[in-house]
C-alpha atoms as a PDB file:
ATOM      1  CA  MET A   1       6.276  29.997 -20.853  1.00  0.00           C
ATOM      2  CA  LYS A   2       3.976  27.362 -22.563  1.00  0.00           C
ATOM      3  CA  ARG A   3       6.340  24.627 -21.486  1.00  0.00           C
ATOM      4  CA  ILE A   4       6.336  25.722 -17.805  1.00  0.00           C
ATOM      5  CA  PHE A   5       2.428  25.914 -17.857  1.00  0.00           C
ATOM      6  CA  ILE A   6       2.311  22.307 -19.230  1.00  0.00           C
ATOM      7  CA  LEU A   7       4.592  21.204 -16.436  1.00  0.00           C
ATOM      8  CA  ILE A   8       2.421  22.833 -13.661  1.00  0.00           C
ATOM      9  CA  ILE A   9      -0.738  21.190 -15.014  1.00  0.00           C
ATOM     10  CA  PHE A  10       1.019  17.729 -15.410  1.00  0.00           C
ATOM     11  CA  SER A  11       2.226  17.862 -11.786  1.00  0.00           C
ATOM     12  CA  LEU A  12      -1.125  18.723 -10.257  1.00  0.00           C
ATOM     13  CA  ILE A  13      -3.158  16.271 -12.406  1.00  0.00           C
ATOM     14  CA  SER A  14      -0.619  13.478 -11.639  1.00  0.00           C
ATOM     15  CA  VAL A  15      -0.932  13.791  -7.918  1.00  0.00           C
ATOM     16  CA  ASN A  16      -4.717  14.003  -8.211  1.00  0.00           C
ATOM     17  CA  LEU A  17      -4.953  10.770 -10.116  1.00  0.00           C
ATOM     18  CA  ALA A  18      -2.641   9.106  -7.582  1.00  0.00           C
ATOM     19  CA  ALA A  19      -5.135  10.092  -4.872  1.00  0.00           C
ATOM     20  CA  GLN A  20      -8.177   8.832  -6.744  1.00  0.00           C
ATOM     21  CA  SER A  21      -6.532   5.531  -7.537  1.00  0.00           C
ATOM     22  CA  THR A  22      -6.551   4.374  -3.881  1.00  0.00           C
ATOM     23  CA  ASP A  23      -9.452   2.085  -2.626  1.00  0.00           C
ATOM     24  CA  LEU A  24      -9.622   3.909   0.694  1.00  0.00           C
ATOM     25  CA  PRO A  25     -12.818   5.418   1.874  1.00  0.00           C
ATOM     26  CA  ILE A  26     -12.815   9.301   1.565  1.00  0.00           C
ATOM     27  CA  LEU A  27     -14.288  11.146   4.629  1.00  0.00           C
ATOM     28  CA  LYS A  28     -15.646  14.665   3.991  1.00  0.00           C
ATOM     29  CA  PRO A  29     -15.334  17.374   6.668  1.00  0.00           C
ATOM     30  CA  SER A  30     -18.579  18.498   8.302  1.00  0.00           C
ATOM     31  CA  ILE A  31     -19.379  22.199   8.594  1.00  0.00           C
ATOM     32  CA  THR A  32     -19.596  22.155  12.345  1.00  0.00           C
ATOM     33  CA  ARG A  33     -16.268  20.277  12.838  1.00  0.00           C
ATOM     34  CA  SER A  34     -14.457  22.203  10.178  1.00  0.00           C
ATOM     35  CA  SER A  35     -10.995  20.804   9.608  1.00  0.00           C
ATOM     36  CA  GLU A  36     -10.605  19.513  13.156  1.00  0.00           C
ATOM     37  CA  TYR A  37     -11.347  15.960  11.811  1.00  0.00           C
ATOM     38  CA  TYR A  38      -7.799  15.988  10.391  1.00  0.00           C
ATOM     39  CA  PHE A  39      -5.822  13.057  11.758  1.00  0.00           C
ATOM     40  CA  GLN A  40      -8.568  12.139  14.170  1.00  0.00           C
ATOM     41  CA  ASP A  41      -9.974   9.713  11.724  1.00  0.00           C
ATOM     42  CA  PHE A  42      -6.697   7.980  10.693  1.00  0.00           C
ATOM     43  CA  HIS A  43      -3.855   9.073  13.150  1.00  0.00           C
ATOM     44  CA  ASN A  44      -3.978   5.723  14.951  1.00  0.00           C
ATOM     45  CA  THR A  45      -4.009   3.498  11.831  1.00  0.00           C
ATOM     46  CA  HIS A  46      -1.417   2.893   9.143  1.00  0.00           C
ATOM     47  CA  ILE A  47      -0.217   0.363   6.563  1.00  0.00           C
ATOM     48  CA  GLU A  48       0.732  -3.195   7.833  1.00  0.00           C
ATOM     49  CA  SER A  49       4.074  -3.204   9.466  1.00  0.00           C
ATOM     50  CA  GLY A  50       5.532  -5.772   7.159  1.00  0.00           C
ATOM     51  CA  LEU A  51       4.790  -3.584   4.053  1.00  0.00           C
ATOM     52  CA  ALA A  52       5.872  -0.417   5.846  1.00  0.00           C
ATOM     53  CA  GLY A  53       9.102  -2.026   6.809  1.00  0.00           C
ATOM     54  CA  PHE A  54       9.892  -2.679   3.152  1.00  0.00           C
ATOM     55  CA  ILE A  55       8.750   0.746   1.861  1.00  0.00           C
ATOM     56  CA  LEU A  56      10.425   2.943   4.518  1.00  0.00           C
ATOM     57  CA  PRO A  57      14.032   2.343   3.394  1.00  0.00           C
ATOM     58  CA  VAL A  58      12.963   2.886  -0.194  1.00  0.00           C
ATOM     59  CA  LEU A  59      11.430   6.301   0.763  1.00  0.00           C
ATOM     60  CA  ILE A  60      14.688   7.342   2.677  1.00  0.00           C
ATOM     61  CA  PHE A  61      17.042   6.572   0.002  1.00  0.00           C
ATOM     62  CA  TRP A  62      14.807   7.108  -3.177  1.00  0.00           C
ATOM     63  CA  PRO A  63      16.658   9.816  -5.169  1.00  0.00           C
ATOM     64  CA  LEU A  64      14.659   9.916  -8.362  1.00  0.00           C
ATOM     65  CA  ASN A  65      12.290  12.726  -8.088  1.00  0.00           C
ATOM     66  CA  PRO A  66      12.178  14.705 -11.344  1.00  0.00           C
ATOM     67  CA  MET A  67      12.454  18.461 -11.306  1.00  0.00           C
ATOM     68  CA  PHE A  68      12.233  21.084 -14.062  1.00  0.00           C
ATOM     69  CA  VAL A  69      13.944  24.446 -13.423  1.00  0.00           C
ATOM     70  CA  ALA A  70      13.455  27.717 -15.471  1.00  0.00           C
ATOM     71  CA  GLU A  71      16.235  30.204 -14.702  1.00  0.00           C
ATOM     72  CA  GLY A  72      16.713  33.285 -16.822  1.00  0.00           C
ATOM     73  CA  LYS A  73      15.767  32.178 -20.321  1.00  0.00           C
ATOM     74  CA  LYS A  74      17.049  28.710 -19.928  1.00  0.00           C
ATOM     75  CA  THR A  75      15.263  25.471 -18.768  1.00  0.00           C
ATOM     76  CA  TYR A  76      17.098  22.567 -16.966  1.00  0.00           C
ATOM     77  CA  PHE A  77      16.294  19.112 -15.744  1.00  0.00           C
ATOM     78  CA  GLY A  78      17.187  17.960 -12.199  1.00  0.00           C
ATOM     79  CA  LEU A  79      16.673  15.408  -9.438  1.00  0.00           C
ATOM     80  CA  THR A  80      15.575  16.391  -5.986  1.00  0.00           C
ATOM     81  CA  LYS A  81      15.233  14.765  -2.563  1.00  0.00           C
ATOM     82  CA  GLU A  82      13.075  15.991   0.339  1.00  0.00           C
ATOM     83  CA  ILE A  83      12.902  14.907   3.971  1.00  0.00           C
ATOM     84  CA  SER A  84      10.237  16.511   6.375  1.00  0.00           C
ATOM     85  CA  VAL A  85       9.101  16.641   9.902  1.00  0.00           C
ATOM     86  CA  VAL A  86       5.382  17.042  10.254  1.00  0.00           C
ATOM     87  CA  PHE A  87       3.449  18.832  13.041  1.00  0.00           C
ATOM     88  CA  PRO A  88      -0.365  18.091  12.583  1.00  0.00           C
ATOM     89  CA  SER A  89      -1.982  20.378  15.052  1.00  0.00           C
ATOM     90  CA  LEU A  90      -1.534  23.943  13.819  1.00  0.00           C
ATOM     91  CA  ARG A  91      -4.715  26.052  14.304  1.00  0.00           C
ATOM     92  CA  LEU A  92      -5.878  29.283  12.788  1.00  0.00           C
ATOM     93  CA  ARG A  93      -9.327  30.294  14.467  1.00  0.00           C
ATOM     94  CA  HIS A  94     -11.654  27.315  13.546  1.00  0.00           C
ATOM     95  CA  LEU A  95      -9.333  25.754  10.964  1.00  0.00           C
ATOM     96  CA  SER A  96      -6.692  23.038  11.526  1.00  0.00           C
ATOM     97  CA  PHE A  97      -3.604  22.766   9.395  1.00  0.00           C
ATOM     98  CA  LEU A  98      -0.822  20.314   8.985  1.00  0.00           C
ATOM     99  CA  GLY A  99       2.735  22.151   9.549  1.00  0.00           C
ATOM    100  CA  LYS A 100       5.642  20.707   7.705  1.00  0.00           C
ATOM    101  CA  PHE A 101       9.380  21.710   7.962  1.00  0.00           C
ATOM    102  CA  SER A 102      11.472  20.380   5.104  1.00  0.00           C
ATOM    103  CA  ALA A 103      15.051  20.203   3.951  1.00  0.00           C
ATOM    104  CA  GLU A 104      15.467  19.529   0.241  1.00  0.00           C
ATOM    105  CA  TYR A 105      18.668  18.823  -1.852  1.00  0.00           C
ATOM    106  CA  SER A 106      18.569  19.162  -5.707  1.00  0.00           C
ATOM    107  CA  TYR A 107      21.016  18.227  -8.342  1.00  0.00           C
ATOM    108  CA  ILE A 108      20.622  20.343 -11.683  1.00  0.00           C
ATOM    109  CA  PHE A 109      22.078  18.909 -14.806  1.00  0.00           C
ATOM    110  CA  ARG A 110      24.197  21.844 -16.129  1.00  0.00           C
ATOM    111  CA  ASP A 111      27.852  22.961 -16.286  1.00  0.00           C
ATOM    112  CA  GLU A 112      27.871  25.164 -13.112  1.00  0.00           C
ATOM    113  CA  ARG A 113      25.835  25.660  -9.835  1.00  0.00           C
ATOM    114  CA  GLN A 114      24.641  22.067 -10.038  1.00  0.00           C
ATOM    115  CA  SER A 115      23.721  21.702  -6.297  1.00  0.00           C
ATOM    116  CA  GLN A 116      20.822  23.424  -4.437  1.00  0.00           C
ATOM    117  CA  LEU A 117      19.812  23.368  -0.974  1.00  0.00           C
ATOM    118  CA  ARG A 118      16.431  24.481   0.373  1.00  0.00           C
ATOM    119  CA  LEU A 119      14.822  24.928   3.764  1.00  0.00           C
ATOM    120  CA  SER A 120      10.995  25.441   3.750  1.00  0.00           C
ATOM    121  CA  PHE A 121       7.763  25.542   5.864  1.00  0.00           C
ATOM    122  CA  GLU A 122       4.352  24.479   4.555  1.00  0.00           C
ATOM    123  CA  ALA A 123       0.896  24.869   5.972  1.00  0.00           C
ATOM    124  CA  GLY A 124      -1.267  22.110   4.566  1.00  0.00           C
ATOM    125  CA  TYR A 125      -5.046  21.946   4.590  1.00  0.00           C
ATOM    126  CA  PRO A 126      -6.697  18.498   4.141  1.00  0.00           C
ATOM    127  CA  LEU A 127      -9.095  18.412   1.248  1.00  0.00           C
ATOM    128  CA  SER A 128     -10.181  14.850   2.135  1.00  0.00           C
ATOM    129  CA  THR A 129      -9.021  11.924   4.335  1.00  0.00           C
ATOM    130  CA  GLY A 130      -9.246   8.205   4.175  1.00  0.00           C
ATOM    131  CA  GLU A 131      -8.410   5.295   6.502  1.00  0.00           C
ATOM    132  CA  PHE A 132      -4.675   6.158   6.599  1.00  0.00           C
ATOM    133  CA  SER A 133      -4.297   8.885   3.953  1.00  0.00           C
ATOM    134  CA  ALA A 134      -5.193  12.405   3.236  1.00  0.00           C
ATOM    135  CA  VAL A 135      -5.109  14.690   0.172  1.00  0.00           C
ATOM    136  CA  ILE A 136      -3.596  17.978   1.222  1.00  0.00           C
ATOM    137  CA  ILE A 137      -3.054  21.279  -0.461  1.00  0.00           C
ATOM    138  CA  GLY A 138      -0.259  23.418   0.954  1.00  0.00           C
ATOM    139  CA  VAL A 139       1.502  26.629   0.654  1.00  0.00           C
ATOM    140  CA  GLY A 140       4.576  28.039   2.387  1.00  0.00           C
ATOM    141  CA  PRO A 141       7.855  30.108   2.345  1.00  0.00           C
ATOM    142  CA  GLY A 142      11.436  28.968   2.028  1.00  0.00           C
ATOM    143  CA  TYR A 143      15.070  29.710   1.883  1.00  0.00           C
ATOM    144  CA  PHE A 144      17.324  28.824  -1.115  1.00  0.00           C
ATOM    145  CA  THR A 145      21.148  28.570  -1.780  1.00  0.00           C
ATOM    146  CA  ASP A 146      23.190  27.149  -4.450  1.00  0.00           C
ATOM    147  CA  PHE A 147      26.353  27.975  -2.438  1.00  0.00           C
ATOM    148  CA  MET A 148      27.055  30.804  -4.807  1.00  0.00           C
ATOM    149  CA  GLY A 149      24.003  32.811  -4.169  1.00  0.00           C
ATOM    150  CA  ALA A 150      20.715  32.795  -2.046  1.00  0.00           C
ATOM    151  CA  GLY A 151      17.129  33.555  -2.360  1.00  0.00           C
ATOM    152  CA  VAL A 152      13.675  33.355  -0.694  1.00  0.00           C
ATOM    153  CA  SER A 153      10.807  31.358  -2.165  1.00  0.00           C
ATOM    154  CA  ALA A 154       7.135  30.571  -2.105  1.00  0.00           C
ATOM    155  CA  HIS A 155       5.517  27.312  -3.178  1.00  0.00           C
ATOM    156  CA  LEU A 156       2.162  25.689  -3.869  1.00  0.00           C
ATOM    157  CA  ALA A 157       1.882  21.774  -3.426  1.00  0.00           C
ATOM    158  CA  LEU A 158      -0.728  19.144  -3.772  1.00  0.00           C
ATOM    159  CA  SER A 159       0.035  15.993  -2.146  1.00  0.00           C
ATOM    160  CA  VAL A 160      -1.266  12.507  -0.842  1.00  0.00           C
ATOM    161  CA  PHE A 161      -0.064  11.929   2.661  1.00  0.00           C
ATOM    162  CA  VAL A 162       0.096   8.212   3.668  1.00  0.00           C
ATOM    163  CA  LEU A 163       0.856   6.992   7.193  1.00  0.00           C
ATOM    164  CA  MET A 164       3.432   4.239   7.137  1.00  0.00           C
ATOM    165  CA  GLY A 165       3.717   3.623  11.020  1.00  0.00           C
ATOM    166  CA  GLU A 166       3.450   5.404  14.343  1.00  0.00           C
ATOM    167  CA  ARG A 167       6.270   7.836  13.411  1.00  0.00           C
ATOM    168  CA  PHE A 168       6.679   7.755   9.606  1.00  0.00           C
ATOM    169  CA  ALA A 169       4.677   8.657   6.587  1.00  0.00           C
ATOM    170  CA  MET A 170       4.992   8.752   2.667  1.00  0.00           C
ATOM    171  CA  ASN A 171       4.221  12.015   0.800  1.00  0.00           C
ATOM    172  CA  ILE A 172       3.443  11.739  -2.926  1.00  0.00           C
ATOM    173  CA  TYR A 173       3.459  15.303  -4.171  1.00  0.00           C
ATOM    174  CA  GLY A 174       3.508  17.751  -6.981  1.00  0.00           C
ATOM    175  CA  LYS A 175       4.941  21.064  -6.272  1.00  0.00           C
ATOM    176  CA  ASN A 176       5.408  24.465  -8.004  1.00  0.00           C
ATOM    177  CA  ARG A 177       7.731  27.097  -6.599  1.00  0.00           C
ATOM    178  CA  PHE A 178       8.975  30.601  -7.407  1.00  0.00           C
ATOM    179  CA  THR A 179      12.337  31.751  -6.001  1.00  0.00           C
ATOM    180  CA  ILE A 180      13.486  35.474  -5.810  1.00  0.00           C
ATOM    181  CA  ALA A 181      17.297  35.909  -5.952  1.00  0.00           C
ATOM    182  CA  ILE A 182      18.745  38.160  -3.268  1.00  0.00           C
ATOM    183  CA  GLN A 183      21.586  39.126  -5.583  1.00  0.00           C
ATOM    184  CA  ASN A 184      20.728  41.832  -8.194  1.00  0.00           C
ATOM    185  CA  ASP A 185      22.910  39.998 -10.952  1.00  0.00           C
ATOM    186  CA  ARG A 186      21.050  36.694 -10.450  1.00  0.00           C
ATOM    187  CA  SER A 187      17.799  35.599 -12.245  1.00  0.00           C
ATOM    188  CA  ASN A 188      14.685  34.536 -10.459  1.00  0.00           C
ATOM    189  CA  ILE A 189      13.889  30.833 -10.592  1.00  0.00           C
ATOM    190  CA  PHE A 190      10.731  28.828 -11.179  1.00  0.00           C
ATOM    191  CA  ASP A 191      10.684  25.125 -10.708  1.00  0.00           C
ATOM    192  CA  ALA A 192       8.183  22.269 -10.882  1.00  0.00           C
ATOM    193  CA  SER A 193       8.762  18.830  -9.182  1.00  0.00           C
ATOM    194  CA  LEU A 194       6.800  15.557  -8.890  1.00  0.00           C
ATOM    195  CA  GLY A 195       7.919  12.837  -6.485  1.00  0.00           C
ATOM    196  CA  ILE A 196       7.797  10.895  -3.257  1.00  0.00           C
ATOM    197  CA  SER A 197       9.260  12.160   0.027  1.00  0.00           C
ATOM    198  CA  PHE A 198       9.858  10.779   3.587  1.00  0.00           C
ATOM    199  CA  CYS A 199       8.166  12.374   6.512  1.00  0.00           C
ATOM    200  CA  PHE A 200       8.750  11.960  10.217  1.00  0.00           C
ATOM    201  CA  HIS A 201       5.769  12.849  12.384  1.00  0.00           C
ATOM    202  CA  PRO A 202       6.871  12.632  16.189  1.00  0.00           C
ATOM    203  CA  PHE A 203       3.844  14.278  17.646  1.00  0.00           C
END
């Protein structure tokens, strides 16, 4: 349990340091505008096209996102890859959220059930925004399968969302997730991951 707690803290601190290391001006939301400022301040600006053209292929094919999995009384190491579609205009009363649908494949280094596939939704609230980036905290549900069993999950994520072009973005994230197994003979799963994912924002 101590090891899992250390992984959670490491994931969240790492993403926070990545956000603070940027030289972008950070904009604070006003009380009257609430979170409606989200995307308005940086939706039409992004990283220079030359740099984005170099980074985008790396984002799409980058496989090396580390993942630590605790299942039953055992802990495993894995690699995970996530691709997302972003919808930036979800509203709940006076608050605006970024909605994200994701598909994620993970490979766990063990003797059986190495492959995992997840589908999830995340509602993200912007803590701060810059010229073309935002620091976001998000929560959401998900579906899990390792092709021998299934489950449902809930996750908490802290991420830095960086626009790379008119339709593409980079997401630097730390994520903690708990999965409840549907089958009675299977253990529940906790995992923590830290990485970079590719996002498509068509709207």
